[in-house]
């Protein structure tokens, strides 16, 4: 089981990376690639964070992991859950592009499902305290700040609901909702570590 889960993590990570690379190549071939724009999308950034989380945790499959790895996994799980939810509820209905391409299904579907399942199957052996849920919120807060500054400065926004042209009241509502969702999802991710907590003296399956 340990070996299979390790291989599964690596394969999913490679699939996610392949999807991001394919989207990058498509953007370059279409002639609309701008580095700061392509990598400014929350979806792209967090699929890459998810890739890192899966590859790093693959090396610890069945073993105790450093706390920073667990926080990285918690962040990736939270972010990709939000990416998938926001895409299918807010962005997909506005998009003229087909949502059924393999790259889209990976970055807006498989990635989120995989990270959530991975977290639930092999979560931290020690609970993550809710008082530290701010760790999960730090990066999205910075991303939102940069996106809003760019939107005001040069007019580029990664997603329509952050466009200042719609009015800052509308943007504030969306930002507020995303913040609340982030708190709720992050807290849920932290809490789910408790139902499968393993006592310090419990045996660990570390078979290769």
N, C-alpha and C. Protein backbone atom coordinates (compact mmCIF):
# COMPACT_ATOMS: atom_id res chain seq x y z
N UNK A 1 0.83 -1.20 0.00
CA UNK A 1 0.00 0.00 0.00
C UNK A 1 0.87 1.26 0.00
N UNK A 2 1.94 1.24 0.83
CA UNK A 2 2.82 2.40 0.92
C UNK A 2 3.47 2.71 -0.42
N UNK A 3 3.99 1.68 -1.09
CA UNK A 3 4.65 1.88 -2.38
C UNK A 3 3.66 2.39 -3.41
N UNK A 4 2.46 1.83 -3.43
CA UNK A 4 1.45 2.24 -4.40
C UNK A 4 1.05 3.70 -4.19
N UNK A 5 0.91 4.10 -2.92
CA UNK A 5 0.52 5.49 -2.64
C UNK A 5 1.63 6.45 -3.03
N UNK A 6 2.88 6.04 -2.80
CA UNK A 6 4.02 6.87 -3.19
C UNK A 6 4.04 7.07 -4.70
N UNK A 7 3.87 5.99 -5.43
CA UNK A 7 3.86 6.07 -6.90
C UNK A 7 2.68 6.91 -7.37
N UNK A 8 1.52 6.74 -6.73
CA UNK A 8 0.35 7.52 -7.10
C UNK A 8 0.57 9.01 -6.92
N UNK A 9 1.21 9.38 -5.81
CA UNK A 9 1.51 10.79 -5.59
C UNK A 9 2.39 11.36 -6.69
N UNK A 10 3.41 10.61 -7.05
CA UNK A 10 4.34 11.08 -8.08
C UNK A 10 3.62 11.19 -9.43
N UNK A 11 2.81 10.21 -9.76
CA UNK A 11 2.11 10.23 -11.06
C UNK A 11 1.13 11.39 -11.15
N UNK A 12 0.39 11.65 -10.07
CA UNK A 12 -0.56 12.77 -10.08
C UNK A 12 0.20 14.09 -10.19
N UNK A 13 1.31 14.20 -9.46
CA UNK A 13 2.12 15.42 -9.52
C UNK A 13 2.63 15.65 -10.95
N UNK A 14 3.09 14.60 -11.61
CA UNK A 14 3.59 14.73 -12.98
C UNK A 14 2.46 15.10 -13.94
N UNK A 15 1.27 14.56 -13.70
CA UNK A 15 0.11 14.91 -14.53
C UNK A 15 -0.23 16.38 -14.38
N UNK A 16 -0.23 16.88 -13.15
CA UNK A 16 -0.50 18.29 -12.90
C UNK A 16 0.56 19.17 -13.55
N UNK A 17 1.82 18.78 -13.43
CA UNK A 17 2.90 19.55 -14.03
C UNK A 17 2.79 19.54 -15.55
N UNK A 18 2.43 18.40 -16.11
CA UNK A 18 2.26 18.30 -17.56
C UNK A 18 1.15 19.22 -18.05
N UNK A 19 0.07 19.32 -17.28
CA UNK A 19 -1.05 20.19 -17.66
C UNK A 19 -0.62 21.65 -17.66
N UNK A 20 0.14 22.06 -16.64
CA UNK A 20 0.61 23.44 -16.57
C UNK A 20 1.56 23.73 -17.73
N UNK A 21 2.46 22.80 -18.02
CA UNK A 21 3.40 22.98 -19.13
C UNK A 21 2.65 23.07 -20.46
N UNK A 22 1.64 22.23 -20.63
CA UNK A 22 0.84 22.27 -21.86
C UNK A 22 0.14 23.61 -22.03
N UNK A 23 -0.41 24.14 -20.94
CA UNK A 23 -1.05 25.45 -20.99
C UNK A 23 -0.03 26.54 -21.30
N UNK A 24 1.17 26.40 -20.76
CA UNK A 24 2.24 27.36 -21.05
C UNK A 24 2.62 27.33 -22.52
N UNK A 25 2.78 26.13 -23.06
CA UNK A 25 3.13 25.97 -24.48
C UNK A 25 2.02 26.54 -25.36
N UNK A 26 0.78 26.26 -25.02
CA UNK A 26 -0.35 26.79 -25.80
C UNK A 26 -0.35 28.31 -25.80
N UNK A 27 -0.07 28.91 -24.64
CA UNK A 27 -0.05 30.36 -24.54
C UNK A 27 1.06 30.95 -25.40
N UNK A 28 2.22 30.31 -25.39
CA UNK A 28 3.35 30.79 -26.21
C UNK A 28 3.01 30.66 -27.70
N UNK A 29 2.43 29.52 -28.08
CA UNK A 29 2.09 29.30 -29.49
C UNK A 29 1.00 30.25 -29.97
N UNK A 30 0.10 30.63 -29.07
CA UNK A 30 -0.97 31.56 -29.43
C UNK A 30 -0.47 32.99 -29.51
N UNK A 31 0.74 33.23 -29.04
CA UNK A 31 1.33 34.56 -29.11
C UNK A 31 0.86 35.52 -28.04
N UNK A 32 0.21 35.00 -26.99
CA UNK A 32 -0.29 35.90 -25.95
C UNK A 32 0.38 35.65 -24.59
N UNK A 33 1.54 34.99 -24.64
CA UNK A 33 2.21 34.68 -23.37
C UNK A 33 2.90 35.90 -22.79
N UNK A 34 2.59 36.19 -21.55
CA UNK A 34 3.29 37.20 -20.76
C UNK A 34 3.60 36.52 -19.43
N UNK A 35 4.87 36.47 -19.08
CA UNK A 35 5.29 35.71 -17.90
C UNK A 35 4.49 36.06 -16.67
N UNK A 36 4.39 37.35 -16.34
CA UNK A 36 3.75 37.76 -15.11
C UNK A 36 2.25 37.53 -15.14
N UNK A 37 1.67 37.50 -16.33
CA UNK A 37 0.24 37.21 -16.44
C UNK A 37 -0.03 35.71 -16.28
N UNK A 38 0.71 34.89 -17.03
CA UNK A 38 0.48 33.45 -16.97
C UNK A 38 0.67 32.92 -15.56
N UNK A 39 1.77 33.32 -14.94
CA UNK A 39 2.06 32.84 -13.60
C UNK A 39 1.39 33.69 -12.51
N UNK A 40 0.55 34.63 -12.94
CA UNK A 40 -0.21 35.42 -11.97
C UNK A 40 -1.52 34.78 -11.58
N UNK A 41 -1.91 33.74 -12.32
CA UNK A 41 -3.18 33.06 -12.01
C UNK A 41 -3.05 32.20 -10.76
N UNK A 42 -4.02 32.33 -9.89
CA UNK A 42 -4.07 31.52 -8.66
C UNK A 42 -4.06 30.04 -9.01
N UNK A 43 -4.76 29.69 -10.08
CA UNK A 43 -4.83 28.28 -10.52
C UNK A 43 -3.44 27.74 -10.86
N UNK A 44 -2.69 28.47 -11.65
CA UNK A 44 -1.36 28.02 -12.06
C UNK A 44 -0.43 27.92 -10.85
N UNK A 45 -0.40 28.97 -10.06
CA UNK A 45 0.49 28.98 -8.90
C UNK A 45 0.18 27.81 -7.95
N UNK A 46 -1.09 27.57 -7.74
CA UNK A 46 -1.44 26.55 -6.74
C UNK A 46 -1.37 25.13 -7.27
N UNK A 47 -1.46 24.96 -8.57
CA UNK A 47 -1.17 23.64 -9.12
C UNK A 47 0.32 23.33 -8.94
N UNK A 48 1.16 24.34 -9.09
CA UNK A 48 2.59 24.14 -8.87
C UNK A 48 2.89 23.88 -7.39
N UNK A 49 2.18 24.57 -6.51
CA UNK A 49 2.33 24.30 -5.08
C UNK A 49 1.87 22.88 -4.77
N UNK A 50 0.78 22.45 -5.41
CA UNK A 50 0.29 21.08 -5.24
C UNK A 50 1.29 20.05 -5.73
N UNK A 51 1.95 20.34 -6.85
CA UNK A 51 2.99 19.45 -7.36
C UNK A 51 4.10 19.30 -6.34
N UNK A 52 4.55 20.42 -5.79
CA UNK A 52 5.62 20.37 -4.79
C UNK A 52 5.19 19.58 -3.56
N UNK A 53 3.95 19.81 -3.11
CA UNK A 53 3.45 19.12 -1.92
C UNK A 53 3.40 17.61 -2.13
N UNK A 54 2.93 17.18 -3.30
CA UNK A 54 2.83 15.74 -3.59
C UNK A 54 4.21 15.10 -3.71
N UNK A 55 5.12 15.77 -4.43
CA UNK A 55 6.45 15.18 -4.62
C UNK A 55 7.23 15.11 -3.31
N UNK A 56 7.12 16.15 -2.50
CA UNK A 56 7.83 16.13 -1.21
C UNK A 56 7.22 15.08 -0.28
N UNK A 57 5.90 15.04 -0.20
CA UNK A 57 5.26 14.07 0.70
C UNK A 57 5.45 12.64 0.20
N UNK A 58 5.68 12.46 -1.11
CA UNK A 58 5.92 11.11 -1.63
C UNK A 58 7.16 10.50 -0.97
N UNK A 59 8.13 11.34 -0.68
CA UNK A 59 9.34 10.85 -0.03
C UNK A 59 9.14 10.45 1.42
N UNK A 60 8.00 10.89 1.99
CA UNK A 60 7.70 10.56 3.39
C UNK A 60 6.51 9.61 3.51
N UNK A 61 6.10 9.00 2.42
CA UNK A 61 4.93 8.14 2.44
C UNK A 61 5.09 7.03 3.49
N UNK A 62 4.12 6.94 4.39
CA UNK A 62 4.16 5.94 5.44
C UNK A 62 5.05 6.28 6.60
N UNK A 63 5.70 7.45 6.55
CA UNK A 63 6.64 7.86 7.58
C UNK A 63 6.17 9.14 8.25
N UNK A 64 6.73 9.43 9.41
CA UNK A 64 6.48 10.70 10.06
C UNK A 64 7.09 11.81 9.21
N UNK A 65 6.39 12.94 9.11
CA UNK A 65 6.85 14.04 8.27
C UNK A 65 7.15 15.28 9.12
N UNK A 66 8.12 16.09 8.70
CA UNK A 66 8.37 17.36 9.40
C UNK A 66 7.11 18.21 9.38
N UNK A 67 6.94 19.05 10.38
CA UNK A 67 5.73 19.86 10.48
C UNK A 67 5.55 20.78 9.29
N UNK A 68 6.66 21.30 8.74
CA UNK A 68 6.53 22.21 7.61
C UNK A 68 5.93 21.52 6.39
N UNK A 69 6.18 20.21 6.25
CA UNK A 69 5.59 19.46 5.14
C UNK A 69 4.08 19.37 5.33
N UNK A 70 3.64 19.16 6.56
CA UNK A 70 2.20 19.06 6.82
C UNK A 70 1.51 20.40 6.55
N UNK A 71 2.16 21.50 6.91
CA UNK A 71 1.57 22.80 6.62
C UNK A 71 1.54 23.08 5.12
N UNK A 72 2.57 22.65 4.41
CA UNK A 72 2.58 22.78 2.95
C UNK A 72 1.42 21.99 2.34
N UNK A 73 1.23 20.76 2.82
CA UNK A 73 0.13 19.93 2.32
C UNK A 73 -1.23 20.54 2.65
N UNK A 74 -1.36 21.08 3.86
CA UNK A 74 -2.62 21.71 4.27
C UNK A 74 -2.92 22.91 3.38
N UNK A 75 -1.90 23.71 3.09
CA UNK A 75 -2.08 24.88 2.22
C UNK A 75 -2.48 24.44 0.82
N UNK A 76 -1.76 23.49 0.26
CA UNK A 76 -2.06 23.03 -1.10
C UNK A 76 -3.47 22.46 -1.19
N UNK A 77 -3.87 21.70 -0.19
CA UNK A 77 -5.21 21.12 -0.17
C UNK A 77 -6.27 22.20 -0.12
N UNK A 78 -6.07 23.18 0.75
CA UNK A 78 -7.03 24.29 0.88
C UNK A 78 -7.13 25.09 -0.42
N UNK A 79 -5.98 25.45 -0.96
CA UNK A 79 -5.97 26.31 -2.16
C UNK A 79 -6.61 25.61 -3.36
N UNK A 80 -6.26 24.35 -3.57
CA UNK A 80 -6.80 23.66 -4.75
C UNK A 80 -8.27 23.32 -4.59
N UNK A 81 -8.71 23.10 -3.36
CA UNK A 81 -10.15 22.93 -3.13
C UNK A 81 -10.89 24.21 -3.53
N UNK A 82 -10.32 25.36 -3.14
CA UNK A 82 -10.93 26.64 -3.50
C UNK A 82 -10.87 26.87 -5.00
N UNK A 83 -9.74 26.54 -5.63
CA UNK A 83 -9.59 26.69 -7.08
C UNK A 83 -10.70 25.93 -7.81
N UNK A 84 -10.89 24.68 -7.43
CA UNK A 84 -11.90 23.85 -8.10
C UNK A 84 -13.30 24.40 -7.85
N UNK A 85 -13.59 24.77 -6.61
CA UNK A 85 -14.92 25.28 -6.26
C UNK A 85 -15.23 26.59 -6.98
N UNK A 86 -14.28 27.53 -6.94
CA UNK A 86 -14.51 28.84 -7.57
C UNK A 86 -14.63 28.70 -9.08
N UNK A 87 -13.82 27.83 -9.67
CA UNK A 87 -13.89 27.67 -11.13
C UNK A 87 -15.27 27.18 -11.56
N UNK A 88 -15.75 26.08 -10.96
CA UNK A 88 -16.98 25.48 -11.43
C UNK A 88 -18.23 26.26 -11.03
N UNK A 89 -18.13 27.12 -10.01
CA UNK A 89 -19.31 27.89 -9.60
C UNK A 89 -19.32 29.32 -10.16
N UNK A 90 -18.13 29.94 -10.30
CA UNK A 90 -18.07 31.33 -10.74
C UNK A 90 -17.50 31.52 -12.14
N UNK A 91 -16.38 30.87 -12.42
CA UNK A 91 -15.65 31.17 -13.65
C UNK A 91 -16.14 30.38 -14.86
N UNK A 92 -16.42 29.11 -14.69
CA UNK A 92 -16.83 28.30 -15.83
C UNK A 92 -18.08 28.85 -16.53
N UNK A 93 -19.12 29.30 -15.79
CA UNK A 93 -20.29 29.86 -16.48
C UNK A 93 -19.98 31.11 -17.29
N UNK A 94 -18.90 31.85 -16.93
CA UNK A 94 -18.54 33.07 -17.66
C UNK A 94 -17.63 32.80 -18.85
N UNK A 95 -17.00 31.63 -18.86
CA UNK A 95 -15.99 31.34 -19.88
C UNK A 95 -16.61 30.86 -21.18
N UNK A 96 -15.98 31.27 -22.29
CA UNK A 96 -16.41 30.81 -23.61
C UNK A 96 -15.64 29.56 -24.04
N UNK A 97 -14.60 29.22 -23.29
CA UNK A 97 -13.80 28.04 -23.62
C UNK A 97 -14.44 26.78 -23.06
N UNK A 98 -14.20 25.66 -23.72
CA UNK A 98 -14.73 24.38 -23.25
C UNK A 98 -14.04 23.97 -21.96
N UNK A 99 -14.81 23.56 -20.94
CA UNK A 99 -14.20 23.12 -19.69
C UNK A 99 -13.72 21.67 -19.74
N UNK A 100 -13.94 21.00 -20.87
CA UNK A 100 -13.72 19.55 -20.92
C UNK A 100 -12.40 19.16 -21.57
N UNK A 101 -11.48 20.12 -21.76
CA UNK A 101 -10.15 19.75 -22.23
C UNK A 101 -9.40 19.04 -21.11
N UNK A 102 -8.43 18.21 -21.46
CA UNK A 102 -7.76 17.45 -20.41
C UNK A 102 -6.96 18.35 -19.47
N UNK A 103 -6.39 19.43 -20.04
CA UNK A 103 -5.62 20.33 -19.18
C UNK A 103 -6.53 21.03 -18.17
N UNK A 104 -7.68 21.45 -18.62
CA UNK A 104 -8.61 22.13 -17.72
C UNK A 104 -9.13 21.19 -16.64
N UNK A 105 -9.45 19.97 -17.03
CA UNK A 105 -9.95 19.00 -16.06
C UNK A 105 -8.89 18.67 -15.00
N UNK A 106 -7.62 18.72 -15.41
CA UNK A 106 -6.55 18.45 -14.44
C UNK A 106 -6.38 19.61 -13.48
N UNK A 107 -6.19 20.84 -14.02
CA UNK A 107 -5.88 21.97 -13.13
C UNK A 107 -7.10 22.47 -12.36
N UNK A 108 -8.30 22.20 -12.87
CA UNK A 108 -9.52 22.67 -12.19
C UNK A 108 -10.37 21.52 -11.65
N UNK A 109 -9.81 20.33 -11.58
CA UNK A 109 -10.61 19.21 -11.08
C UNK A 109 -9.77 18.16 -10.38
N UNK A 110 -9.01 17.43 -11.17
CA UNK A 110 -8.23 16.32 -10.63
C UNK A 110 -7.27 16.79 -9.54
N UNK A 111 -6.65 17.94 -9.74
CA UNK A 111 -5.68 18.43 -8.76
C UNK A 111 -6.32 18.60 -7.38
N UNK A 112 -7.47 19.25 -7.34
CA UNK A 112 -8.14 19.48 -6.06
C UNK A 112 -8.61 18.20 -5.42
N UNK A 113 -9.22 17.32 -6.21
CA UNK A 113 -9.70 16.05 -5.68
C UNK A 113 -8.53 15.22 -5.14
N UNK A 114 -7.43 15.19 -5.89
CA UNK A 114 -6.27 14.39 -5.49
C UNK A 114 -5.69 14.87 -4.17
N UNK A 115 -5.55 16.18 -4.00
CA UNK A 115 -4.98 16.71 -2.76
C UNK A 115 -5.88 16.46 -1.57
N UNK A 116 -7.19 16.60 -1.75
CA UNK A 116 -8.12 16.33 -0.66
C UNK A 116 -8.08 14.86 -0.26
N UNK A 117 -8.11 13.97 -1.25
CA UNK A 117 -8.06 12.53 -0.96
C UNK A 117 -6.74 12.17 -0.28
N UNK A 118 -5.65 12.73 -0.78
CA UNK A 118 -4.34 12.45 -0.20
C UNK A 118 -4.29 12.89 1.27
N UNK A 119 -4.86 14.05 1.56
CA UNK A 119 -4.89 14.56 2.94
C UNK A 119 -5.71 13.66 3.85
N UNK A 120 -6.85 13.21 3.35
CA UNK A 120 -7.74 12.39 4.17
C UNK A 120 -7.17 10.99 4.40
N UNK A 121 -6.49 10.46 3.40
CA UNK A 121 -5.96 9.09 3.53
C UNK A 121 -4.72 9.06 4.41
N UNK A 122 -3.82 10.03 4.22
CA UNK A 122 -2.61 10.05 5.03
C UNK A 122 -2.35 11.45 5.56
N UNK A 123 -3.19 11.82 6.51
CA UNK A 123 -3.05 13.13 7.13
C UNK A 123 -1.96 13.13 8.18
N UNK A 124 -1.72 14.29 8.79
CA UNK A 124 -0.69 14.39 9.83
C UNK A 124 -0.98 13.47 11.01
N UNK A 125 0.06 12.97 11.64
CA UNK A 125 -0.11 12.11 12.81
C UNK A 125 -0.35 12.92 14.07
N UNK A 126 -0.08 14.22 14.00
CA UNK A 126 -0.39 15.12 15.10
C UNK A 126 -1.28 16.23 14.56
N UNK A 127 -2.28 16.62 15.35
CA UNK A 127 -3.22 17.63 14.87
C UNK A 127 -2.54 18.97 14.62
N UNK A 128 -3.06 19.69 13.65
CA UNK A 128 -2.60 21.05 13.38
C UNK A 128 -3.51 22.00 14.17
N UNK A 129 -2.98 22.82 15.05
CA UNK A 129 -3.81 23.68 15.89
C UNK A 129 -4.53 24.75 15.07
N UNK A 130 -5.81 24.95 15.38
CA UNK A 130 -6.61 25.93 14.64
C UNK A 130 -6.06 27.35 14.79
N UNK A 131 -5.37 27.61 15.88
CA UNK A 131 -4.83 28.97 16.07
C UNK A 131 -3.79 29.32 15.01
N UNK A 132 -3.31 28.30 14.28
CA UNK A 132 -2.32 28.55 13.24
C UNK A 132 -2.92 28.47 11.83
N UNK A 133 -4.23 28.57 11.74
CA UNK A 133 -4.85 28.53 10.42
C UNK A 133 -4.45 29.74 9.60
N UNK A 134 -3.92 30.78 10.26
CA UNK A 134 -3.45 31.96 9.55
C UNK A 134 -2.35 31.62 8.55
N UNK A 135 -1.63 30.50 8.80
CA UNK A 135 -0.58 30.07 7.88
C UNK A 135 -1.16 29.84 6.49
N UNK A 136 -2.35 29.26 6.45
CA UNK A 136 -3.01 28.97 5.18
C UNK A 136 -3.44 30.26 4.49
N UNK A 137 -3.77 31.28 5.27
CA UNK A 137 -4.31 32.52 4.69
C UNK A 137 -3.23 33.49 4.22
N UNK A 138 -2.00 33.31 4.67
CA UNK A 138 -0.94 34.28 4.38
C UNK A 138 -0.70 34.44 2.88
N UNK A 139 -0.52 33.34 2.18
CA UNK A 139 -0.22 33.41 0.74
C UNK A 139 -1.40 33.96 -0.08
N UNK A 140 -2.65 33.47 0.11
CA UNK A 140 -3.76 34.04 -0.67
C UNK A 140 -3.94 35.53 -0.42
N UNK A 141 -3.69 35.98 0.81
CA UNK A 141 -3.81 37.41 1.11
C UNK A 141 -2.79 38.21 0.31
N UNK A 142 -1.56 37.71 0.24
CA UNK A 142 -0.52 38.38 -0.55
C UNK A 142 -0.89 38.36 -2.03
N UNK A 143 -1.39 37.21 -2.52
CA UNK A 143 -1.78 37.09 -3.93
C UNK A 143 -2.88 38.08 -4.27
N UNK A 144 -3.89 38.18 -3.40
CA UNK A 144 -4.98 39.12 -3.64
C UNK A 144 -4.48 40.56 -3.65
N UNK A 145 -3.59 40.88 -2.73
CA UNK A 145 -3.06 42.25 -2.67
C UNK A 145 -2.32 42.60 -3.96
N UNK A 146 -1.46 41.70 -4.41
CA UNK A 146 -0.71 41.94 -5.65
C UNK A 146 -1.66 42.07 -6.84
N UNK A 147 -2.66 41.19 -6.90
CA UNK A 147 -3.62 41.21 -8.01
C UNK A 147 -4.41 42.52 -8.05
N UNK A 148 -4.82 43.01 -6.88
CA UNK A 148 -5.60 44.24 -6.82
C UNK A 148 -4.74 45.45 -7.19
N UNK A 149 -3.49 45.44 -6.76
CA UNK A 149 -2.57 46.53 -7.11
C UNK A 149 -2.33 46.53 -8.62
N UNK A 150 -2.11 45.36 -9.19
CA UNK A 150 -1.91 45.27 -10.64
C UNK A 150 -3.16 45.73 -11.39
N UNK A 151 -4.32 45.31 -10.90
CA UNK A 151 -5.56 45.71 -11.56
C UNK A 151 -5.73 47.22 -11.59
N UNK A 152 -5.35 47.88 -10.50
CA UNK A 152 -5.47 49.33 -10.44
C UNK A 152 -4.37 50.02 -11.25
N UNK A 153 -3.19 49.38 -11.31
CA UNK A 153 -2.04 50.01 -11.96
C UNK A 153 -2.02 49.83 -13.47
N UNK A 154 -2.18 48.60 -13.93
CA UNK A 154 -2.07 48.36 -15.38
C UNK A 154 -3.31 47.73 -16.01
N UNK A 155 -4.34 47.52 -15.20
CA UNK A 155 -5.60 47.03 -15.75
C UNK A 155 -5.70 45.54 -15.93
N UNK A 156 -4.60 44.79 -15.67
CA UNK A 156 -4.66 43.33 -15.84
C UNK A 156 -5.12 42.68 -14.55
N UNK A 157 -6.13 41.83 -14.67
CA UNK A 157 -6.61 41.06 -13.53
C UNK A 157 -6.72 39.59 -13.95
N UNK A 158 -6.41 38.67 -13.06
CA UNK A 158 -6.46 37.25 -13.43
C UNK A 158 -7.88 36.72 -13.61
N UNK A 159 -8.84 37.32 -12.90
CA UNK A 159 -10.22 36.81 -12.94
C UNK A 159 -11.19 37.99 -13.01
N UNK A 160 -12.30 37.83 -13.73
CA UNK A 160 -13.24 38.94 -13.93
C UNK A 160 -13.79 39.53 -12.63
N UNK A 161 -13.98 38.72 -11.61
CA UNK A 161 -14.59 39.24 -10.39
C UNK A 161 -13.64 40.14 -9.59
N UNK A 162 -12.36 40.24 -10.02
CA UNK A 162 -11.41 41.14 -9.37
C UNK A 162 -11.19 42.41 -10.19
N UNK A 163 -11.94 42.59 -11.25
CA UNK A 163 -11.76 43.74 -12.15
C UNK A 163 -12.30 45.01 -11.49
N UNK A 164 -11.43 46.01 -11.27
CA UNK A 164 -11.89 47.27 -10.66
C UNK A 164 -12.96 47.97 -11.48
N UNK A 165 -13.04 47.63 -12.78
CA UNK A 165 -14.06 48.26 -13.64
C UNK A 165 -15.47 47.90 -13.18
N UNK A 166 -15.59 46.81 -12.44
CA UNK A 166 -16.90 46.42 -11.91
C UNK A 166 -17.27 47.18 -10.64
N UNK A 167 -16.34 48.00 -10.17
CA UNK A 167 -16.57 48.74 -8.94
C UNK A 167 -15.89 48.05 -7.76
N UNK A 168 -15.28 48.85 -6.91
CA UNK A 168 -14.55 48.26 -5.79
C UNK A 168 -15.48 47.63 -4.75
N UNK A 169 -16.73 48.05 -4.73
CA UNK A 169 -17.68 47.42 -3.81
C UNK A 169 -17.89 45.96 -4.20
N UNK A 170 -18.04 45.72 -5.51
CA UNK A 170 -18.21 44.36 -6.00
C UNK A 170 -16.96 43.52 -5.72
N UNK A 171 -15.80 44.13 -5.99
CA UNK A 171 -14.53 43.42 -5.73
C UNK A 171 -14.41 43.09 -4.25
N UNK A 172 -14.77 44.04 -3.39
CA UNK A 172 -14.68 43.84 -1.94
C UNK A 172 -15.56 42.68 -1.49
N UNK A 173 -16.74 42.57 -2.08
CA UNK A 173 -17.65 41.48 -1.72
C UNK A 173 -17.02 40.14 -2.07
N UNK A 174 -16.49 40.04 -3.29
CA UNK A 174 -15.87 38.78 -3.72
C UNK A 174 -14.65 38.45 -2.86
N UNK A 175 -13.83 39.47 -2.58
CA UNK A 175 -12.65 39.24 -1.75
C UNK A 175 -13.07 38.78 -0.36
N UNK A 176 -14.10 39.41 0.18
CA UNK A 176 -14.59 39.02 1.50
C UNK A 176 -15.10 37.59 1.52
N UNK A 177 -15.83 37.22 0.48
CA UNK A 177 -16.35 35.85 0.40
C UNK A 177 -15.20 34.85 0.29
N UNK A 178 -14.22 35.16 -0.56
CA UNK A 178 -13.08 34.26 -0.73
C UNK A 178 -12.31 34.11 0.59
N UNK A 179 -12.17 35.22 1.32
CA UNK A 179 -11.47 35.17 2.61
C UNK A 179 -12.21 34.27 3.59
N UNK A 180 -13.53 34.44 3.67
CA UNK A 180 -14.33 33.61 4.57
C UNK A 180 -14.25 32.14 4.17
N UNK A 181 -14.34 31.88 2.87
CA UNK A 181 -14.23 30.50 2.39
C UNK A 181 -12.86 29.93 2.74
N UNK A 182 -11.82 30.75 2.60
CA UNK A 182 -10.48 30.29 2.94
C UNK A 182 -10.37 29.91 4.40
N UNK A 183 -10.96 30.72 5.28
CA UNK A 183 -10.94 30.42 6.72
C UNK A 183 -11.68 29.12 7.00
N UNK A 184 -12.85 28.96 6.40
CA UNK A 184 -13.67 27.78 6.65
C UNK A 184 -13.01 26.52 6.11
N UNK A 185 -12.52 26.59 4.87
CA UNK A 185 -11.89 25.41 4.27
C UNK A 185 -10.59 25.07 5.00
N UNK A 186 -9.78 26.09 5.29
CA UNK A 186 -8.54 25.85 6.02
C UNK A 186 -8.79 25.23 7.38
N UNK A 187 -9.81 25.75 8.08
CA UNK A 187 -10.15 25.20 9.39
C UNK A 187 -10.62 23.76 9.26
N UNK A 188 -11.42 23.47 8.23
CA UNK A 188 -11.90 22.10 8.02
C UNK A 188 -10.74 21.16 7.75
N UNK A 189 -9.77 21.63 6.95
CA UNK A 189 -8.59 20.81 6.66
C UNK A 189 -7.82 20.51 7.95
N UNK A 190 -7.66 21.52 8.79
CA UNK A 190 -6.95 21.32 10.05
C UNK A 190 -7.70 20.34 10.95
N UNK A 191 -9.03 20.50 11.02
CA UNK A 191 -9.83 19.67 11.91
C UNK A 191 -9.85 18.22 11.47
N UNK A 192 -9.80 17.97 10.17
CA UNK A 192 -9.87 16.58 9.70
C UNK A 192 -8.65 15.77 10.09
N UNK A 193 -7.61 16.42 10.58
CA UNK A 193 -6.46 15.65 11.06
C UNK A 193 -6.81 14.90 12.34
N UNK A 194 -7.87 15.28 13.03
CA UNK A 194 -8.16 14.73 14.34
C UNK A 194 -8.83 13.36 14.27
N UNK A 195 -9.60 13.11 13.22
CA UNK A 195 -10.36 11.86 13.20
C UNK A 195 -9.48 10.65 12.91
N UNK A 196 -8.26 10.86 12.42
CA UNK A 196 -7.38 9.73 12.14
C UNK A 196 -6.04 9.90 12.84
N UNK A 197 -6.05 10.64 13.96
CA UNK A 197 -4.81 10.88 14.67
C UNK A 197 -4.22 9.57 15.19
N UNK A 198 -2.91 9.41 15.01
CA UNK A 198 -2.21 8.22 15.45
C UNK A 198 -1.39 8.55 16.69
N UNK A 199 -1.50 7.74 17.68
CA UNK A 199 -0.78 7.99 18.92
C UNK A 199 0.72 7.86 18.67
N UNK A 200 1.56 8.62 19.44
CA UNK A 200 3.01 8.60 19.21
C UNK A 200 3.63 7.23 19.25
N UNK A 201 3.04 6.32 20.04
CA UNK A 201 3.63 5.00 20.17
C UNK A 201 3.13 3.99 19.16
N UNK A 202 2.23 4.44 18.27
CA UNK A 202 1.66 3.51 17.30
C UNK A 202 2.68 3.12 16.25
N UNK A 203 2.54 1.92 15.75
CA UNK A 203 3.46 1.45 14.71
C UNK A 203 3.18 2.17 13.41
N UNK A 204 4.22 2.43 12.65
CA UNK A 204 4.10 3.12 11.37
C UNK A 204 4.50 2.17 10.26
N UNK A 205 3.65 2.08 9.26
CA UNK A 205 3.97 1.23 8.11
C UNK A 205 5.00 1.93 7.26
N UNK A 206 6.23 1.50 7.32
CA UNK A 206 7.29 2.15 6.55
C UNK A 206 7.91 1.19 5.53
N UNK A 207 7.11 0.21 5.12
CA UNK A 207 7.62 -0.74 4.14
C UNK A 207 7.92 -0.03 2.84
N UNK A 208 8.99 -0.36 2.17
CA UNK A 208 9.35 0.31 0.92
C UNK A 208 8.36 0.00 -0.18
